[in-house]
Amino acid sequence: MESTVIEATTGGHETVHDITAECARFAASASGGGDGLLHVFVPHATAGVALIELGAGSDDDLLAALGDLLPADDRWRHAHGSRGHGRSHVLPALVAPYATIPVLGGRPALGTWQSVALVDLNVDNPDRRVRLSFLAG
């Protein structure tokens, strides 16, 4: 297994951050053009990984849906940080902190419109790490 960590700055706002290119570069390098599995993992208690179409409004739709499900208000028992911070700790139960993607011929075998995205509602922590691991087939 080969593994690396990439850094992502998500800023001080809710975001769906595209990491598809970084995943593709790592898969190409780690696989040597072969087949296997790419595992994407966010080692944070307040972020997730989604396979979703980006750039056509779906990313905004995802944030809006998460806003409806997890409002940034004072209902959360986990109440330190910015208003509604507790919802960020519930997010990984809805948007898992990992995804596993087949790699064929050195390329992630994503669907036509699929991208790999870091989903982050936590406005208190803009610096994120994402662990990429490749397991040869």
N, C-alpha and C. Protein backbone atom coordinates (compact mmCIF):
# COMPACT_ATOMS: atom_id res chain seq x y z
N MET A 1 0.85 -1.18 0.00
CA MET A 1 0.00 0.00 0.00
C MET A 1 0.89 1.24 0.00
N GLU A 2 0.51 2.20 -0.77
CA GLU A 2 1.19 3.49 -0.80
C GLU A 2 0.22 4.54 -0.30
N SER A 3 0.73 5.54 0.43
CA SER A 3 -0.15 6.53 1.05
C SER A 3 0.52 7.89 1.07
N THR A 4 -0.27 8.94 0.99
CA THR A 4 0.21 10.31 1.09
C THR A 4 -0.88 11.17 1.71
N VAL A 5 -0.51 12.35 2.15
CA VAL A 5 -1.47 13.31 2.68
C VAL A 5 -1.42 14.56 1.83
N ILE A 6 -2.60 15.03 1.42
CA ILE A 6 -2.69 16.30 0.71
C ILE A 6 -3.31 17.32 1.66
N GLU A 7 -3.01 18.58 1.43
CA GLU A 7 -3.54 19.67 2.24
C GLU A 7 -4.62 20.39 1.43
N ALA A 8 -5.65 20.83 2.13
CA ALA A 8 -6.71 21.61 1.49
C ALA A 8 -7.08 22.76 2.40
N THR A 9 -7.18 23.95 1.84
CA THR A 9 -7.65 25.10 2.60
C THR A 9 -9.07 25.38 2.15
N THR A 10 -9.99 25.20 3.08
CA THR A 10 -11.41 25.34 2.74
C THR A 10 -11.96 26.72 3.05
N GLY A 11 -11.20 27.55 3.74
CA GLY A 11 -11.62 28.91 4.02
C GLY A 11 -12.55 28.99 5.21
N GLY A 12 -13.05 30.17 5.46
CA GLY A 12 -13.92 30.41 6.61
C GLY A 12 -15.39 30.33 6.27
N HIS A 13 -15.74 29.50 5.30
CA HIS A 13 -17.14 29.34 4.92
C HIS A 13 -17.41 27.87 4.58
N GLU A 14 -18.67 27.49 4.60
CA GLU A 14 -19.04 26.12 4.22
C GLU A 14 -18.62 25.89 2.78
N THR A 15 -18.11 24.68 2.51
CA THR A 15 -17.62 24.47 1.16
C THR A 15 -17.68 23.01 0.74
N VAL A 16 -17.76 22.84 -0.57
CA VAL A 16 -17.55 21.56 -1.22
C VAL A 16 -16.32 21.79 -2.09
N HIS A 17 -15.19 21.22 -1.66
CA HIS A 17 -13.88 21.51 -2.25
C HIS A 17 -13.44 20.35 -3.15
N ASP A 18 -13.21 20.63 -4.41
CA ASP A 18 -12.84 19.61 -5.39
C ASP A 18 -11.41 19.13 -5.18
N ILE A 19 -11.24 17.83 -4.96
CA ILE A 19 -9.90 17.24 -4.83
C ILE A 19 -9.67 16.15 -5.88
N THR A 20 -10.47 16.17 -6.93
CA THR A 20 -10.39 15.15 -7.97
C THR A 20 -9.02 15.11 -8.64
N ALA A 21 -8.47 16.26 -8.98
CA ALA A 21 -7.18 16.30 -9.68
C ALA A 21 -6.07 15.72 -8.81
N GLU A 22 -6.07 16.06 -7.52
CA GLU A 22 -5.04 15.52 -6.61
C GLU A 22 -5.18 14.00 -6.49
N CYS A 23 -6.42 13.52 -6.43
CA CYS A 23 -6.66 12.07 -6.36
C CYS A 23 -6.17 11.38 -7.63
N ALA A 24 -6.44 11.98 -8.79
CA ALA A 24 -6.03 11.39 -10.06
C ALA A 24 -4.50 11.36 -10.18
N ARG A 25 -3.84 12.44 -9.77
CA ARG A 25 -2.37 12.46 -9.83
C ARG A 25 -1.76 11.38 -8.93
N PHE A 26 -2.31 11.27 -7.71
CA PHE A 26 -1.79 10.26 -6.80
C PHE A 26 -2.04 8.86 -7.35
N ALA A 27 -3.24 8.61 -7.86
CA ALA A 27 -3.57 7.28 -8.39
C ALA A 27 -2.65 6.92 -9.55
N ALA A 28 -2.38 7.87 -10.42
CA ALA A 28 -1.49 7.60 -11.56
C ALA A 28 -0.09 7.26 -11.09
N SER A 29 0.40 8.02 -10.14
CA SER A 29 1.76 7.80 -9.63
C SER A 29 1.87 6.51 -8.83
N ALA A 30 0.95 6.32 -7.89
CA ALA A 30 1.02 5.16 -6.99
C ALA A 30 0.74 3.85 -7.71
N SER A 31 -0.10 3.89 -8.72
CA SER A 31 -0.49 2.65 -9.41
C SER A 31 0.52 2.23 -10.48
N GLY A 32 1.36 3.18 -10.92
CA GLY A 32 2.27 2.87 -12.02
C GLY A 32 1.52 2.48 -13.28
N GLY A 33 0.30 3.00 -13.42
CA GLY A 33 -0.52 2.69 -14.58
C GLY A 33 -1.33 1.42 -14.45
N GLY A 34 -1.29 0.81 -13.28
CA GLY A 34 -2.03 -0.43 -13.07
C GLY A 34 -3.38 -0.23 -12.41
N ASP A 35 -3.91 -1.33 -11.90
CA ASP A 35 -5.24 -1.35 -11.29
C ASP A 35 -5.13 -1.48 -9.77
N GLY A 36 -6.18 -1.06 -9.10
CA GLY A 36 -6.24 -1.18 -7.65
C GLY A 36 -7.37 -0.36 -7.08
N LEU A 37 -7.20 0.04 -5.83
CA LEU A 37 -8.21 0.84 -5.14
C LEU A 37 -7.58 2.09 -4.56
N LEU A 38 -8.25 3.21 -4.75
CA LEU A 38 -7.87 4.47 -4.14
C LEU A 38 -8.81 4.71 -2.98
N HIS A 39 -8.24 4.86 -1.79
CA HIS A 39 -9.04 5.17 -0.61
C HIS A 39 -8.76 6.62 -0.22
N VAL A 40 -9.83 7.39 -0.04
CA VAL A 40 -9.74 8.80 0.32
C VAL A 40 -10.33 8.93 1.72
N PHE A 41 -9.55 9.47 2.66
CA PHE A 41 -9.98 9.55 4.05
C PHE A 41 -9.67 10.92 4.64
N VAL A 42 -10.65 11.51 5.29
CA VAL A 42 -10.49 12.80 5.95
C VAL A 42 -10.38 12.54 7.46
N PRO A 43 -9.18 12.72 8.04
CA PRO A 43 -9.02 12.45 9.47
C PRO A 43 -9.46 13.63 10.34
N HIS A 44 -10.67 14.07 10.14
CA HIS A 44 -11.24 15.18 10.91
C HIS A 44 -12.64 14.78 11.37
N ALA A 45 -13.02 15.23 12.55
CA ALA A 45 -14.34 14.90 13.11
C ALA A 45 -15.44 15.77 12.54
N THR A 46 -15.09 16.69 11.65
CA THR A 46 -16.08 17.66 11.17
C THR A 46 -16.07 17.82 9.65
N ALA A 47 -15.68 16.79 8.91
CA ALA A 47 -15.64 16.89 7.45
C ALA A 47 -15.97 15.53 6.85
N GLY A 48 -16.31 15.53 5.58
CA GLY A 48 -16.64 14.30 4.88
C GLY A 48 -16.12 14.31 3.45
N VAL A 49 -16.29 13.18 2.78
CA VAL A 49 -15.89 13.02 1.39
C VAL A 49 -17.12 12.62 0.59
N ALA A 50 -17.36 13.30 -0.51
CA ALA A 50 -18.51 12.99 -1.35
C ALA A 50 -18.06 12.76 -2.79
N LEU A 51 -18.71 11.81 -3.46
CA LEU A 51 -18.56 11.64 -4.90
C LEU A 51 -19.80 12.28 -5.51
N ILE A 52 -19.61 13.41 -6.19
CA ILE A 52 -20.74 14.23 -6.62
C ILE A 52 -20.35 15.02 -7.87
N GLU A 53 -21.34 15.37 -8.66
CA GLU A 53 -21.10 16.26 -9.78
C GLU A 53 -20.82 17.66 -9.23
N LEU A 54 -19.78 18.30 -9.72
CA LEU A 54 -19.42 19.64 -9.27
C LEU A 54 -19.51 20.63 -10.42
N GLY A 55 -19.76 21.87 -10.08
CA GLY A 55 -19.73 22.93 -11.08
C GLY A 55 -21.03 23.15 -11.83
N ALA A 56 -22.04 22.34 -11.58
CA ALA A 56 -23.32 22.52 -12.27
C ALA A 56 -24.43 22.83 -11.26
N GLY A 57 -24.05 23.26 -10.07
CA GLY A 57 -25.02 23.60 -9.04
C GLY A 57 -25.22 22.54 -7.99
N SER A 58 -24.75 21.32 -8.25
CA SER A 58 -24.95 20.24 -7.28
C SER A 58 -24.22 20.50 -5.98
N ASP A 59 -23.05 21.14 -6.06
CA ASP A 59 -22.31 21.44 -4.85
C ASP A 59 -23.09 22.43 -3.98
N ASP A 60 -23.68 23.45 -4.59
CA ASP A 60 -24.52 24.39 -3.84
C ASP A 60 -25.78 23.71 -3.31
N ASP A 61 -26.34 22.80 -4.11
CA ASP A 61 -27.51 22.05 -3.67
C ASP A 61 -27.18 21.18 -2.45
N LEU A 62 -25.99 20.57 -2.46
CA LEU A 62 -25.58 19.76 -1.32
C LEU A 62 -25.46 20.63 -0.07
N LEU A 63 -24.82 21.79 -0.19
CA LEU A 63 -24.70 22.68 0.97
C LEU A 63 -26.07 23.15 1.45
N ALA A 64 -26.99 23.42 0.53
CA ALA A 64 -28.33 23.84 0.92
C ALA A 64 -29.06 22.70 1.64
N ALA A 65 -28.94 21.48 1.13
CA ALA A 65 -29.60 20.33 1.78
C ALA A 65 -29.01 20.10 3.16
N LEU A 66 -27.68 20.19 3.29
CA LEU A 66 -27.06 20.03 4.60
C LEU A 66 -27.46 21.15 5.54
N GLY A 67 -27.64 22.35 5.00
CA GLY A 67 -28.13 23.47 5.81
C GLY A 67 -29.53 23.22 6.34
N ASP A 68 -30.38 22.58 5.51
CA ASP A 68 -31.74 22.23 5.96
C ASP A 68 -31.69 21.13 7.02
N LEU A 69 -30.85 20.13 6.81
CA LEU A 69 -30.74 19.01 7.75
C LEU A 69 -29.98 19.37 9.03
N LEU A 70 -28.97 20.21 8.87
CA LEU A 70 -28.07 20.56 9.97
C LEU A 70 -27.96 22.09 10.06
N PRO A 71 -28.99 22.75 10.55
CA PRO A 71 -28.95 24.22 10.58
C PRO A 71 -27.87 24.76 11.52
N ALA A 72 -27.33 25.91 11.16
CA ALA A 72 -26.29 26.56 11.96
C ALA A 72 -26.96 27.43 13.03
N ASP A 73 -27.58 26.77 13.99
CA ASP A 73 -28.25 27.50 15.07
C ASP A 73 -27.78 26.98 16.43
N ASP A 74 -28.50 27.32 17.47
CA ASP A 74 -28.07 26.99 18.83
C ASP A 74 -28.67 25.70 19.39
N ARG A 75 -29.20 24.83 18.57
CA ARG A 75 -29.82 23.60 19.05
C ARG A 75 -28.81 22.53 19.48
N TRP A 76 -27.57 22.67 19.08
CA TRP A 76 -26.57 21.61 19.25
C TRP A 76 -25.97 21.60 20.64
N ARG A 77 -25.89 20.43 21.23
CA ARG A 77 -25.29 20.28 22.56
C ARG A 77 -23.78 20.53 22.53
N HIS A 78 -23.16 20.10 21.45
CA HIS A 78 -21.73 20.37 21.25
C HIS A 78 -21.66 21.83 20.81
N ALA A 79 -21.40 22.73 21.74
CA ALA A 79 -21.66 24.15 21.49
C ALA A 79 -20.43 25.05 21.50
N HIS A 80 -19.21 24.52 21.51
CA HIS A 80 -18.07 25.44 21.47
C HIS A 80 -17.86 25.90 20.02
N GLY A 81 -17.05 26.93 19.85
CA GLY A 81 -16.78 27.42 18.50
C GLY A 81 -17.87 28.34 18.00
N SER A 82 -17.94 28.49 16.69
CA SER A 82 -18.92 29.39 16.08
C SER A 82 -20.34 28.85 16.26
N ARG A 83 -21.31 29.71 16.03
CA ARG A 83 -22.72 29.33 16.16
C ARG A 83 -23.02 28.13 15.27
N GLY A 84 -23.62 27.10 15.84
CA GLY A 84 -23.97 25.91 15.08
C GLY A 84 -22.83 24.94 14.87
N HIS A 85 -21.71 25.14 15.53
CA HIS A 85 -20.53 24.29 15.32
C HIS A 85 -20.84 22.80 15.55
N GLY A 86 -21.74 22.50 16.46
CA GLY A 86 -22.07 21.11 16.75
C GLY A 86 -22.55 20.34 15.54
N ARG A 87 -23.18 21.03 14.59
CA ARG A 87 -23.66 20.35 13.38
C ARG A 87 -22.51 19.78 12.57
N SER A 88 -21.35 20.43 12.63
CA SER A 88 -20.19 19.93 11.90
C SER A 88 -19.76 18.57 12.41
N HIS A 89 -20.03 18.30 13.71
CA HIS A 89 -19.67 17.01 14.28
C HIS A 89 -20.67 15.92 13.94
N VAL A 90 -21.84 16.31 13.46
CA VAL A 90 -22.86 15.36 13.01
C VAL A 90 -22.67 15.04 11.53
N LEU A 91 -22.07 15.95 10.80
CA LEU A 91 -21.88 15.81 9.35
C LEU A 91 -21.30 14.45 8.93
N PRO A 92 -20.22 13.94 9.57
CA PRO A 92 -19.64 12.68 9.10
C PRO A 92 -20.57 11.47 9.21
N ALA A 93 -21.65 11.59 9.98
CA ALA A 93 -22.64 10.51 10.02
C ALA A 93 -23.50 10.52 8.76
N LEU A 94 -23.56 11.66 8.07
CA LEU A 94 -24.36 11.80 6.85
C LEU A 94 -23.50 11.79 5.59
N VAL A 95 -22.35 12.42 5.65
CA VAL A 95 -21.38 12.43 4.56
C VAL A 95 -20.13 11.77 5.14
N ALA A 96 -19.93 10.50 4.80
CA ALA A 96 -18.86 9.71 5.40
C ALA A 96 -17.50 10.37 5.23
N PRO A 97 -16.59 10.16 6.16
CA PRO A 97 -15.27 10.75 6.04
C PRO A 97 -14.33 9.96 5.12
N TYR A 98 -14.88 9.12 4.27
CA TYR A 98 -14.05 8.31 3.39
C TYR A 98 -14.82 7.92 2.13
N ALA A 99 -14.07 7.54 1.11
CA ALA A 99 -14.62 6.96 -0.12
C ALA A 99 -13.55 6.05 -0.71
N THR A 100 -13.96 4.97 -1.34
CA THR A 100 -13.04 4.07 -2.02
C THR A 100 -13.43 4.03 -3.49
N ILE A 101 -12.44 4.23 -4.35
CA ILE A 101 -12.68 4.38 -5.78
C ILE A 101 -11.81 3.37 -6.53
N PRO A 102 -12.38 2.59 -7.45
CA PRO A 102 -11.56 1.70 -8.26
C PRO A 102 -10.60 2.51 -9.14
N VAL A 103 -9.43 1.97 -9.35
CA VAL A 103 -8.45 2.57 -10.26
C VAL A 103 -8.18 1.54 -11.34
N LEU A 104 -8.39 1.95 -12.59
CA LEU A 104 -8.18 1.07 -13.74
C LEU A 104 -7.20 1.73 -14.68
N GLY A 105 -6.12 1.04 -14.99
CA GLY A 105 -5.12 1.60 -15.89
C GLY A 105 -4.54 2.91 -15.37
N GLY A 106 -4.42 3.03 -14.06
CA GLY A 106 -3.83 4.22 -13.46
C GLY A 106 -4.75 5.40 -13.29
N ARG A 107 -6.04 5.21 -13.63
CA ARG A 107 -6.99 6.33 -13.54
C ARG A 107 -8.17 5.97 -12.65
N PRO A 108 -8.60 6.91 -11.79
CA PRO A 108 -9.80 6.64 -10.99
C PRO A 108 -10.98 6.37 -11.91
N ALA A 109 -11.69 5.28 -11.66
CA ALA A 109 -12.82 4.88 -12.52
C ALA A 109 -14.09 5.57 -12.04
N LEU A 110 -14.08 6.88 -12.13
CA LEU A 110 -15.26 7.68 -11.76
C LEU A 110 -16.24 7.72 -12.92
N GLY A 111 -17.51 7.92 -12.59
CA GLY A 111 -18.52 8.10 -13.62
C GLY A 111 -18.31 9.42 -14.34
N THR A 112 -18.97 9.59 -15.46
CA THR A 112 -18.80 10.76 -16.31
C THR A 112 -18.87 12.07 -15.54
N TRP A 113 -19.83 12.19 -14.63
CA TRP A 113 -20.04 13.46 -13.93
C TRP A 113 -19.56 13.42 -12.48
N GLN A 114 -18.91 12.36 -12.06
CA GLN A 114 -18.49 12.27 -10.67
C GLN A 114 -17.16 12.97 -10.44
N SER A 115 -17.09 13.68 -9.32
CA SER A 115 -15.86 14.27 -8.83
C SER A 115 -15.69 13.85 -7.38
N VAL A 116 -14.48 13.99 -6.87
CA VAL A 116 -14.20 13.70 -5.47
C VAL A 116 -14.14 15.03 -4.74
N ALA A 117 -14.94 15.17 -3.69
CA ALA A 117 -15.02 16.45 -3.00
C ALA A 117 -14.88 16.29 -1.49
N LEU A 118 -14.20 17.23 -0.90
CA LEU A 118 -14.11 17.37 0.54
C LEU A 118 -15.29 18.26 0.94
N VAL A 119 -16.14 17.79 1.83
CA VAL A 119 -17.30 18.55 2.29
C VAL A 119 -16.98 19.06 3.69
N ASP A 120 -17.02 20.37 3.87
CA ASP A 120 -16.62 20.98 5.12
C ASP A 120 -17.59 22.08 5.52
N LEU A 121 -18.30 21.86 6.63
CA LEU A 121 -19.20 22.87 7.17
C LEU A 121 -18.55 23.67 8.30
N ASN A 122 -17.37 23.24 8.75
CA ASN A 122 -16.71 23.82 9.91
C ASN A 122 -15.97 25.09 9.52
N VAL A 123 -16.55 26.23 9.84
CA VAL A 123 -15.94 27.51 9.48
C VAL A 123 -14.82 27.90 10.44
N ASP A 124 -14.64 27.12 11.51
CA ASP A 124 -13.61 27.43 12.50
C ASP A 124 -12.25 26.83 12.16
N ASN A 125 -12.19 25.89 11.22
CA ASN A 125 -10.93 25.21 10.89
C ASN A 125 -10.77 25.15 9.38
N PRO A 126 -10.09 26.12 8.78
CA PRO A 126 -9.97 26.16 7.33
C PRO A 126 -8.88 25.26 6.74
N ASP A 127 -8.03 24.68 7.59
CA ASP A 127 -6.93 23.87 7.09
C ASP A 127 -7.23 22.39 7.30
N ARG A 128 -7.28 21.65 6.21
CA ARG A 128 -7.67 20.23 6.25
C ARG A 128 -6.60 19.36 5.62
N ARG A 129 -6.55 18.14 6.11
CA ARG A 129 -5.68 17.12 5.53
C ARG A 129 -6.58 16.02 4.98
N VAL A 130 -6.14 15.44 3.89
CA VAL A 130 -6.86 14.31 3.31
C VAL A 130 -5.81 13.23 3.02
N ARG A 131 -6.03 12.03 3.57
CA ARG A 131 -5.10 10.92 3.32
C ARG A 131 -5.58 10.14 2.11
N LEU A 132 -4.69 9.97 1.16
CA LEU A 132 -4.93 9.16 -0.04
C LEU A 132 -4.11 7.90 0.09
N SER A 133 -4.72 6.75 -0.10
CA SER A 133 -4.02 5.47 -0.03
C SER A 133 -4.36 4.67 -1.28
N PHE A 134 -3.35 3.99 -1.81
CA PHE A 134 -3.56 3.13 -2.98
C PHE A 134 -3.16 1.71 -2.63
N LEU A 135 -4.07 0.80 -2.92
CA LEU A 135 -3.84 -0.62 -2.72
C LEU A 135 -3.85 -1.28 -4.10
N ALA A 136 -2.73 -1.87 -4.49
CA ALA A 136 -2.62 -2.49 -5.81
C ALA A 136 -3.50 -3.72 -5.91
N GLY A 137 -4.03 -3.92 -7.10
CA GLY A 137 -4.92 -5.04 -7.36
C GLY A 137 -4.20 -6.30 -7.73
